[in-house]
Amino acid sequence: MEHVKIVAEIGCNHRGEIETARRMIQVAALCGVDVVKFQKRNPRECLTPEQYRALHPVPANAYGPTYGAHREALEFPIEVHGELKALCDVLGVDYSSSVWDLTSAKEVASLNPLLIKVPSACNTHGVLLNYLCAEFPGELHISLGMTTRAEEDRLIDLLARRNRLKDTVLYACVSGYPVPYEDVALLEVERLCEAYGTEVRAVGYSGHHLGIAVDVAAVTLGATWLERHFTLDRTWKGTDHAASLEPMDLRQLVQDVRAVTKAL
């Protein structure tokens, strides 16, 4: 059984605070994760003018008067991402980021990370995918939340035509925050392993559920990458905190996955 890579997704749980982001990297490293992951957006590029000016759908989670302002408040410039990557290098964990638009993809690729993540919301973004296939030599990690089987087929076809399947990690994922256990669809891990296990670099599981039992089960089904949202406090304002692991839970997840991997 190969070493299971564990990704602590900080995402935007840093609340737009650089010192909080640095602290989260330090804590995640102490918990024993392999990768910490952020998110990078150009809100003007990601959103239509109407979406930018709209109110946040959950006002209690908003960091600005409009959804666009909210997204801007949670963004770091690429220079800060470079500083965060440097801290990761010092602490012995890999830096990564999800990219939500072409500008962000170009910026993050310029940092030469081990991997770049394409989130579920962007896995039909052909321009973004083709750019990464052509210009980014590292690993492509792609979540399949919200994805129909026909969209999945088109994604696999694109990666095959660009000769990038061997660089790709596909993640089983359900796009809910948090996802009830009865909606986790965990056997998607097994299906992806059976369908693409010999073609892709690996199959992973990106979880938005509560607790850590499901992640351990995903490993027994063949997932060799696990991604979980991470926060210092689940009561903080923001969309992702409720589906995130606090430090003690993340530490326990790492310990349990390492133990189960040995047992397998």
C-alpha atoms as a PDB file:
ATOM      1  CA  MET A   1       0.000   0.000   0.000  1.00  0.00           C
ATOM      2  CA  GLU A   2       1.559   3.292  -1.057  1.00  0.00           C
ATOM      3  CA  HIS A   3       1.830   6.348   1.181  1.00  0.00           C
ATOM      4  CA  VAL A   4      -1.515   8.154   1.242  1.00  0.00           C
ATOM      5  CA  LYS A   5      -1.080  11.891   0.652  1.00  0.00           C
ATOM      6  CA  ILE A   6      -3.196  14.115   2.893  1.00  0.00           C
ATOM      7  CA  VAL A   7      -4.093  17.639   1.760  1.00  0.00           C
ATOM      8  CA  ALA A   8      -5.219  20.262   4.274  1.00  0.00           C
ATOM      9  CA  GLU A   9      -7.270  22.723   2.277  1.00  0.00           C
ATOM     10  CA  ILE A  10      -6.949  26.098   3.926  1.00  0.00           C
ATOM     11  CA  GLY A  11      -8.806  27.581   0.962  1.00  0.00           C
ATOM     12  CA  CYS A  12     -10.209  30.912   2.131  1.00  0.00           C
ATOM     13  CA  ASN A  13     -10.556  29.886   5.777  1.00  0.00           C
ATOM     14  CA  HIS A  14      -7.740  32.342   6.590  1.00  0.00           C
ATOM     15  CA  ARG A  15     -10.371  35.140   6.454  1.00  0.00           C
ATOM     16  CA  GLY A  16      -8.096  37.274   4.289  1.00  0.00           C
ATOM     17  CA  GLU A  17      -5.532  37.551   7.095  1.00  0.00           C
ATOM     18  CA  ILE A  18      -1.949  36.768   6.108  1.00  0.00           C
ATOM     19  CA  GLU A  19      -0.822  35.985   9.653  1.00  0.00           C
ATOM     20  CA  THR A  20      -3.757  33.592  10.073  1.00  0.00           C
ATOM     21  CA  ALA A  21      -2.740  31.863   6.829  1.00  0.00           C
ATOM     22  CA  ARG A  22       0.819  31.494   8.100  1.00  0.00           C
ATOM     23  CA  ARG A  23      -0.402  30.103  11.405  1.00  0.00           C
ATOM     24  CA  MET A  24      -2.633  27.610   9.606  1.00  0.00           C
ATOM     25  CA  ILE A  25       0.327  26.332   7.567  1.00  0.00           C
ATOM     26  CA  GLN A  26       2.340  25.873  10.747  1.00  0.00           C
ATOM     27  CA  VAL A  27      -0.443  23.985  12.522  1.00  0.00           C
ATOM     28  CA  ALA A  28      -1.210  21.781   9.502  1.00  0.00           C
ATOM     29  CA  ALA A  29       2.478  20.891   9.232  1.00  0.00           C
ATOM     30  CA  LEU A  30       2.535  19.929  12.910  1.00  0.00           C
ATOM     31  CA  CYS A  31      -0.488  17.697  12.269  1.00  0.00           C
ATOM     32  CA  GLY A  32       1.570  15.772   9.732  1.00  0.00           C
ATOM     33  CA  VAL A  33      -0.147  16.593   6.423  1.00  0.00           C
ATOM     34  CA  ASP A  34       1.691  16.335   3.114  1.00  0.00           C
ATOM     35  CA  VAL A  35       0.189  19.347   1.320  1.00  0.00           C
ATOM     36  CA  VAL A  36      -1.531  22.594   2.248  1.00  0.00           C
ATOM     37  CA  LYS A  37      -3.777  24.105  -0.382  1.00  0.00           C
ATOM     38  CA  PHE A  38      -5.135  27.594  -0.888  1.00  0.00           C
ATOM     39  CA  GLN A  39      -7.507  29.051  -3.496  1.00  0.00           C
ATOM     40  CA  LYS A  40      -6.748  31.722  -6.100  1.00  0.00           C
ATOM     41  CA  ARG A  41      -9.411  33.728  -7.907  1.00  0.00           C
ATOM     42  CA  ASN A  42      -9.611  36.847 -10.017  1.00  0.00           C
ATOM     43  CA  PRO A  43     -13.160  37.806  -8.971  1.00  0.00           C
ATOM     44  CA  ARG A  44     -13.684  40.177 -11.916  1.00  0.00           C
ATOM     45  CA  GLU A  45     -12.844  37.301 -14.251  1.00  0.00           C
ATOM     46  CA  CYS A  46     -14.773  34.602 -12.383  1.00  0.00           C
ATOM     47  CA  LEU A  47     -18.013  36.518 -11.917  1.00  0.00           C
ATOM     48  CA  THR A  48     -20.406  38.248 -14.264  1.00  0.00           C
ATOM     49  CA  PRO A  49     -21.054  41.930 -13.417  1.00  0.00           C
ATOM     50  CA  GLU A  50     -24.442  40.885 -12.030  1.00  0.00           C
ATOM     51  CA  GLN A  51     -22.876  38.238  -9.786  1.00  0.00           C
ATOM     52  CA  TYR A  52     -20.191  40.673  -8.645  1.00  0.00           C
ATOM     53  CA  ARG A  53     -22.766  43.272  -7.593  1.00  0.00           C
ATOM     54  CA  ALA A  54     -25.165  40.778  -6.000  1.00  0.00           C
ATOM     55  CA  LEU A  55     -25.480  40.255  -2.273  1.00  0.00           C
ATOM     56  CA  HIS A  56     -23.820  37.236  -0.701  1.00  0.00           C
ATOM     57  CA  PRO A  57     -26.428  34.422  -0.623  1.00  0.00           C
ATOM     58  CA  VAL A  58     -25.725  33.936   3.106  1.00  0.00           C
ATOM     59  CA  PRO A  59     -25.177  37.470   4.470  1.00  0.00           C
ATOM     60  CA  ALA A  60     -23.886  36.164   7.818  1.00  0.00           C
ATOM     61  CA  ASN A  61     -20.870  34.705   5.983  1.00  0.00           C
ATOM     62  CA  ALA A  62     -20.092  37.817   3.922  1.00  0.00           C
ATOM     63  CA  TYR A  63     -16.776  39.670   4.169  1.00  0.00           C
ATOM     64  CA  GLY A  64     -18.021  42.544   1.992  1.00  0.00           C
ATOM     65  CA  PRO A  65     -21.204  44.420   1.027  1.00  0.00           C
ATOM     66  CA  THR A  66     -21.499  42.537  -2.299  1.00  0.00           C
ATOM     67  CA  TYR A  67     -20.471  39.041  -3.357  1.00  0.00           C
ATOM     68  CA  GLY A  68     -17.666  40.515  -5.465  1.00  0.00           C
ATOM     69  CA  ALA A  69     -16.351  42.562  -2.553  1.00  0.00           C
ATOM     70  CA  HIS A  70     -16.598  39.467  -0.360  1.00  0.00           C
ATOM     71  CA  ARG A  71     -14.445  37.495  -2.786  1.00  0.00           C
ATOM     72  CA  GLU A  72     -11.917  40.331  -3.104  1.00  0.00           C
ATOM     73  CA  ALA A  73     -11.549  40.521   0.681  1.00  0.00           C
ATOM     74  CA  LEU A  74     -10.518  36.860   0.813  1.00  0.00           C
ATOM     75  CA  GLU A  75      -7.904  37.078  -1.950  1.00  0.00           C
ATOM     76  CA  PHE A  76      -4.138  37.300  -1.536  1.00  0.00           C
ATOM     77  CA  PRO A  77      -1.958  38.726  -4.345  1.00  0.00           C
ATOM     78  CA  ILE A  78       0.350  36.208  -5.976  1.00  0.00           C
ATOM     79  CA  GLU A  79       3.324  37.739  -4.136  1.00  0.00           C
ATOM     80  CA  VAL A  80       1.748  36.655  -0.842  1.00  0.00           C
ATOM     81  CA  HIS A  81       1.161  33.171  -2.249  1.00  0.00           C
ATOM     82  CA  GLY A  82       4.876  33.110  -3.010  1.00  0.00           C
ATOM     83  CA  GLU A  83       5.645  33.968   0.616  1.00  0.00           C
ATOM     84  CA  LEU A  84       3.281  31.241   1.813  1.00  0.00           C
ATOM     85  CA  LYS A  85       4.949  28.730  -0.504  1.00  0.00           C
ATOM     86  CA  ALA A  86       8.327  29.698   0.927  1.00  0.00           C
ATOM     87  CA  LEU A  87       7.022  29.007   4.439  1.00  0.00           C
ATOM     88  CA  CYS A  88       5.735  25.615   3.273  1.00  0.00           C
ATOM     89  CA  ASP A  89       9.194  24.830   1.900  1.00  0.00           C
ATOM     90  CA  VAL A  90      10.782  25.634   5.258  1.00  0.00           C
ATOM     91  CA  LEU A  91       8.264  23.467   7.143  1.00  0.00           C
ATOM     92  CA  GLY A  92       8.544  20.494   4.800  1.00  0.00           C
ATOM     93  CA  VAL A  93       5.044  20.512   3.319  1.00  0.00           C
ATOM     94  CA  ASP A  94       4.057  21.128  -0.274  1.00  0.00           C
ATOM     95  CA  TYR A  95       2.186  24.287  -1.257  1.00  0.00           C
ATOM     96  CA  SER A  96      -0.684  24.168  -3.728  1.00  0.00           C
ATOM     97  CA  SER A  97      -3.717  26.163  -4.769  1.00  0.00           C
ATOM     98  CA  SER A  98      -6.988  25.692  -6.569  1.00  0.00           C
ATOM     99  CA  VAL A  99      -7.329  28.011  -9.559  1.00  0.00           C
ATOM    100  CA  TRP A 100     -10.689  29.369 -10.629  1.00  0.00           C
ATOM    101  CA  ASP A 101      -9.791  31.272 -13.801  1.00  0.00           C
ATOM    102  CA  LEU A 102      -7.082  31.577 -16.430  1.00  0.00           C
ATOM    103  CA  THR A 103      -5.330  34.551 -14.813  1.00  0.00           C
ATOM    104  CA  SER A 104      -5.071  32.693 -11.504  1.00  0.00           C
ATOM    105  CA  ALA A 105      -3.810  29.571 -13.269  1.00  0.00           C
ATOM    106  CA  LYS A 106      -1.003  31.545 -14.902  1.00  0.00           C
ATOM    107  CA  GLU A 107      -0.073  33.217 -11.612  1.00  0.00           C
ATOM    108  CA  VAL A 108      -0.005  30.016  -9.556  1.00  0.00           C
ATOM    109  CA  ALA A 109       1.842  28.110 -12.294  1.00  0.00           C
ATOM    110  CA  SER A 110       4.562  30.773 -12.119  1.00  0.00           C
ATOM    111  CA  LEU A 111       5.331  29.566  -8.561  1.00  0.00           C
ATOM    112  CA  ASN A 112       6.090  26.063  -9.900  1.00  0.00           C
ATOM    113  CA  PRO A 113       4.170  24.099  -7.243  1.00  0.00           C
ATOM    114  CA  LEU A 114       4.076  20.300  -7.128  1.00  0.00           C
ATOM    115  CA  LEU A 115       0.415  20.352  -8.122  1.00  0.00           C
ATOM    116  CA  ILE A 116      -2.409  22.654  -9.148  1.00  0.00           C
ATOM    117  CA  LYS A 117      -6.005  21.829  -8.293  1.00  0.00           C
ATOM    118  CA  VAL A 118      -8.937  22.350 -10.639  1.00  0.00           C
ATOM    119  CA  PRO A 119     -12.029  22.602  -8.412  1.00  0.00           C
ATOM    120  CA  SER A 120     -15.304  20.915  -9.256  1.00  0.00           C
ATOM    121  CA  ALA A 121     -16.811  24.222 -10.342  1.00  0.00           C
ATOM    122  CA  CYS A 122     -14.152  24.634 -13.053  1.00  0.00           C
ATOM    123  CA  ASN A 123     -13.665  21.131 -14.437  1.00  0.00           C
ATOM    124  CA  THR A 124     -15.612  22.010 -17.605  1.00  0.00           C
ATOM    125  CA  HIS A 125     -13.577  25.200 -18.180  1.00  0.00           C
ATOM    126  CA  GLY A 126     -11.892  24.159 -21.427  1.00  0.00           C
ATOM    127  CA  VAL A 127      -9.616  27.185 -21.768  1.00  0.00           C
ATOM    128  CA  LEU A 128      -8.323  26.737 -18.223  1.00  0.00           C
ATOM    129  CA  LEU A 129      -7.796  22.989 -18.652  1.00  0.00           C
ATOM    130  CA  ASN A 130      -6.032  23.360 -21.990  1.00  0.00           C
ATOM    131  CA  TYR A 131      -3.715  26.023 -20.583  1.00  0.00           C
ATOM    132  CA  LEU A 132      -2.697  23.806 -17.659  1.00  0.00           C
ATOM    133  CA  CYS A 133      -2.206  20.809 -19.948  1.00  0.00           C
ATOM    134  CA  ALA A 134       0.056  22.821 -22.237  1.00  0.00           C
ATOM    135  CA  GLU A 135       1.944  25.069 -19.833  1.00  0.00           C
ATOM    136  CA  PHE A 136       2.042  23.492 -16.377  1.00  0.00           C
ATOM    137  CA  PRO A 137       4.395  20.503 -16.047  1.00  0.00           C
ATOM    138  CA  GLY A 138       3.292  19.466 -12.554  1.00  0.00           C
ATOM    139  CA  GLU A 139       0.455  17.269 -11.361  1.00  0.00           C
ATOM    140  CA  LEU A 140      -3.146  18.146 -12.253  1.00  0.00           C
ATOM    141  CA  HIS A 141      -5.611  17.403  -9.462  1.00  0.00           C
ATOM    142  CA  ILE A 142      -9.265  17.564 -10.510  1.00  0.00           C
ATOM    143  CA  SER A 143     -12.412  17.159  -8.398  1.00  0.00           C
ATOM    144  CA  LEU A 144     -15.562  15.637  -9.888  1.00  0.00           C
ATOM    145  CA  GLY A 145     -18.207  17.188  -7.651  1.00  0.00           C
ATOM    146  CA  MET A 146     -21.320  18.373  -9.566  1.00  0.00           C
ATOM    147  CA  THR A 147     -20.046  16.535 -12.640  1.00  0.00           C
ATOM    148  CA  THR A 148     -22.317  14.504 -14.905  1.00  0.00           C
ATOM    149  CA  ARG A 149     -21.015  11.295 -16.444  1.00  0.00           C
ATOM    150  CA  ALA A 150     -21.013  12.955 -19.887  1.00  0.00           C
ATOM    151  CA  GLU A 151     -18.924  15.851 -18.545  1.00  0.00           C
ATOM    152  CA  GLU A 152     -16.559  13.361 -16.924  1.00  0.00           C
ATOM    153  CA  ASP A 153     -16.148  11.567 -20.261  1.00  0.00           C
ATOM    154  CA  ARG A 154     -15.306  14.849 -22.008  1.00  0.00           C
ATOM    155  CA  LEU A 155     -12.771  15.716 -19.306  1.00  0.00           C
ATOM    156  CA  ILE A 156     -11.036  12.345 -19.606  1.00  0.00           C
ATOM    157  CA  ASP A 157     -10.998  12.667 -23.387  1.00  0.00           C
ATOM    158  CA  LEU A 158      -9.370  16.118 -23.179  1.00  0.00           C
ATOM    159  CA  LEU A 159      -6.693  14.891 -20.769  1.00  0.00           C
ATOM    160  CA  ALA A 160      -6.023  11.826 -22.935  1.00  0.00           C
ATOM    161  CA  ARG A 161      -5.674  13.938 -26.106  1.00  0.00           C
ATOM    162  CA  ARG A 162      -3.240  16.233 -24.304  1.00  0.00           C
ATOM    163  CA  ASN A 163      -1.307  13.204 -22.989  1.00  0.00           C
ATOM    164  CA  ARG A 164      -1.810  14.315 -19.369  1.00  0.00           C
ATOM    165  CA  LEU A 165      -3.745  11.420 -17.794  1.00  0.00           C
ATOM    166  CA  LYS A 166      -0.598  10.032 -16.151  1.00  0.00           C
ATOM    167  CA  ASP A 167      -0.131  13.399 -14.433  1.00  0.00           C
ATOM    168  CA  THR A 168      -3.741  13.559 -13.206  1.00  0.00           C
ATOM    169  CA  VAL A 169      -5.293  12.744  -9.842  1.00  0.00           C
ATOM    170  CA  LEU A 170      -9.099  12.440 -10.005  1.00  0.00           C
ATOM    171  CA  TYR A 171     -11.060  13.082  -6.824  1.00  0.00           C
ATOM    172  CA  ALA A 172     -14.432  11.619  -5.974  1.00  0.00           C
ATOM    173  CA  CYS A 173     -16.343  14.531  -4.464  1.00  0.00           C
ATOM    174  CA  VAL A 174     -19.838  15.684  -3.526  1.00  0.00           C
ATOM    175  CA  SER A 175     -20.273  19.450  -3.582  1.00  0.00           C
ATOM    176  CA  GLY A 176     -22.129  20.131  -0.341  1.00  0.00           C
ATOM    177  CA  TYR A 177     -21.048  21.990   2.819  1.00  0.00           C
ATOM    178  CA  PRO A 178     -21.370  19.827   4.866  1.00  0.00           C
ATOM    179  CA  VAL A 179     -22.549  16.642   3.089  1.00  0.00           C
ATOM    180  CA  PRO A 180     -24.874  14.301   5.046  1.00  0.00           C
ATOM    181  CA  TYR A 181     -23.492  10.781   5.341  1.00  0.00           C
ATOM    182  CA  GLU A 182     -26.298   9.331   3.225  1.00  0.00           C
ATOM    183  CA  ASP A 183     -25.237  11.609   0.329  1.00  0.00           C
ATOM    184  CA  VAL A 184     -21.475  10.940   0.424  1.00  0.00           C
ATOM    185  CA  ALA A 185     -21.606   8.348  -2.423  1.00  0.00           C
ATOM    186  CA  LEU A 186     -18.348   6.832  -1.210  1.00  0.00           C
ATOM    187  CA  LEU A 187     -18.368   3.992  -3.741  1.00  0.00           C
ATOM    188  CA  GLU A 188     -17.486   6.604  -6.374  1.00  0.00           C
ATOM    189  CA  VAL A 189     -13.907   6.062  -5.179  1.00  0.00           C
ATOM    190  CA  GLU A 190     -14.129   2.416  -6.165  1.00  0.00           C
ATOM    191  CA  ARG A 191     -15.774   3.252  -9.493  1.00  0.00           C
ATOM    192  CA  LEU A 192     -13.035   5.733 -10.414  1.00  0.00           C
ATOM    193  CA  CYS A 193     -10.346   3.217  -9.470  1.00  0.00           C
ATOM    194  CA  GLU A 194     -11.949   0.561 -11.656  1.00  0.00           C
ATOM    195  CA  ALA A 195     -12.599   2.936 -14.576  1.00  0.00           C
ATOM    196  CA  TYR A 196      -9.323   4.893 -14.645  1.00  0.00           C
ATOM    197  CA  GLY A 197      -6.921   3.328 -12.139  1.00  0.00           C
ATOM    198  CA  THR A 198      -4.487   2.147 -14.803  1.00  0.00           C
ATOM    199  CA  GLU A 199      -4.665   5.401 -16.782  1.00  0.00           C
ATOM    200  CA  VAL A 200      -4.375   8.210 -14.203  1.00  0.00           C
ATOM    201  CA  ARG A 201      -1.682   8.968 -11.658  1.00  0.00           C
ATOM    202  CA  ALA A 202      -4.021   8.263  -8.747  1.00  0.00           C
ATOM    203  CA  VAL A 203      -7.573   8.428  -7.434  1.00  0.00           C
ATOM    204  CA  GLY A 204      -8.365  10.618  -4.461  1.00  0.00           C
ATOM    205  CA  TYR A 205     -11.249  11.609  -2.255  1.00  0.00           C
ATOM    206  CA  SER A 206     -12.210  15.208  -1.464  1.00  0.00           C
ATOM    207  CA  GLY A 207     -14.584  15.202   1.487  1.00  0.00           C
ATOM    208  CA  HIS A 208     -16.978  17.824   2.812  1.00  0.00           C
ATOM    209  CA  HIS A 209     -18.598  15.573   5.413  1.00  0.00           C
ATOM    210  CA  LEU A 210     -18.393  15.670   9.203  1.00  0.00           C
ATOM    211  CA  GLY A 211     -15.846  13.653  11.154  1.00  0.00           C
ATOM    212  CA  ILE A 212     -13.073  11.446   9.776  1.00  0.00           C
ATOM    213  CA  ALA A 213     -14.538   7.949   9.509  1.00  0.00           C
ATOM    214  CA  VAL A 214     -15.446   8.381   5.828  1.00  0.00           C
ATOM    215  CA  ASP A 215     -11.878   9.349   4.909  1.00  0.00           C
ATOM    216  CA  VAL A 216     -10.479   6.153   6.419  1.00  0.00           C
ATOM    217  CA  ALA A 217     -13.074   4.156   4.474  1.00  0.00           C
ATOM    218  CA  ALA A 218     -12.060   5.949   1.268  1.00  0.00           C
ATOM    219  CA  VAL A 219      -8.510   4.696   1.751  1.00  0.00           C
ATOM    220  CA  THR A 220      -9.738   1.100   2.010  1.00  0.00           C
ATOM    221  CA  LEU A 221     -11.580   1.620  -1.304  1.00  0.00           C
ATOM    222  CA  GLY A 222      -8.432   2.732  -3.103  1.00  0.00           C
ATOM    223  CA  ALA A 223      -8.020   6.486  -2.536  1.00  0.00           C
ATOM    224  CA  THR A 224      -4.360   7.427  -2.218  1.00  0.00           C
ATOM    225  CA  TRP A 225      -5.005  11.168  -1.887  1.00  0.00           C
ATOM    226  CA  LEU A 226      -7.303  12.667   0.745  1.00  0.00           C
ATOM    227  CA  GLU A 227      -8.333  16.313   0.794  1.00  0.00           C
ATOM    228  CA  ARG A 228     -10.157  17.945   3.704  1.00  0.00           C
ATOM    229  CA  HIS A 229     -10.951  21.570   4.454  1.00  0.00           C
ATOM    230  CA  PHE A 230      -9.038  22.821   7.492  1.00  0.00           C
ATOM    231  CA  THR A 231      -9.804  25.618   9.950  1.00  0.00           C
ATOM    232  CA  LEU A 232      -8.575  26.811  13.306  1.00  0.00           C
ATOM    233  CA  ASP A 233     -12.149  27.368  14.501  1.00  0.00           C
ATOM    234  CA  ARG A 234     -15.322  25.888  12.978  1.00  0.00           C
ATOM    235  CA  THR A 235     -17.380  28.747  14.450  1.00  0.00           C
ATOM    236  CA  TRP A 236     -15.611  31.407  12.365  1.00  0.00           C
ATOM    237  CA  LYS A 237     -17.613  33.289   9.750  1.00  0.00           C
ATOM    238  CA  GLY A 238     -17.459  31.734   6.298  1.00  0.00           C
ATOM    239  CA  THR A 239     -19.009  29.105   4.053  1.00  0.00           C
ATOM    240  CA  ASP A 240     -16.428  26.334   4.470  1.00  0.00           C
ATOM    241  CA  HIS A 241     -15.756  26.306   8.216  1.00  0.00           C
ATOM    242  CA  ALA A 242     -18.707  24.051   9.081  1.00  0.00           C
ATOM    243  CA  ALA A 243     -17.358  21.295   6.798  1.00  0.00           C
ATOM    244  CA  SER A 244     -13.745  21.750   7.951  1.00  0.00           C
ATOM    245  CA  LEU A 245     -11.555  19.893  10.432  1.00  0.00           C
ATOM    246  CA  GLU A 246     -10.066  21.657  13.431  1.00  0.00           C
ATOM    247  CA  PRO A 247      -6.447  20.875  14.401  1.00  0.00           C
ATOM    248  CA  MET A 248      -7.107  17.950  16.739  1.00  0.00           C
ATOM    249  CA  ASP A 249      -9.397  16.310  14.188  1.00  0.00           C
ATOM    250  CA  LEU A 250      -6.828  16.801  11.421  1.00  0.00           C
ATOM    251  CA  ARG A 251      -4.116  15.307  13.594  1.00  0.00           C
ATOM    252  CA  GLN A 252      -6.345  12.316  14.364  1.00  0.00           C
ATOM    253  CA  LEU A 253      -7.132  11.868  10.671  1.00  0.00           C
ATOM    254  CA  VAL A 254      -3.424  11.721   9.832  1.00  0.00           C
ATOM    255  CA  GLN A 255      -2.765   9.206  12.613  1.00  0.00           C
ATOM    256  CA  ASP A 256      -5.709   6.985  11.628  1.00  0.00           C
ATOM    257  CA  VAL A 257      -4.860   6.997   7.915  1.00  0.00           C
ATOM    258  CA  ARG A 258      -1.226   6.144   8.639  1.00  0.00           C
ATOM    259  CA  ALA A 259      -2.326   3.265  10.902  1.00  0.00           C
ATOM    260  CA  VAL A 260      -4.859   1.910   8.411  1.00  0.00           C
ATOM    261  CA  THR A 261      -2.306   2.133   5.581  1.00  0.00           C
ATOM    262  CA  LYS A 262       0.088  -0.036   7.608  1.00  0.00           C
ATOM    263  CA  ALA A 263      -2.706  -2.485   8.362  1.00  0.00           C
ATOM    264  CA  LEU A 264      -3.641  -2.771   4.698  1.00  0.00           C
END
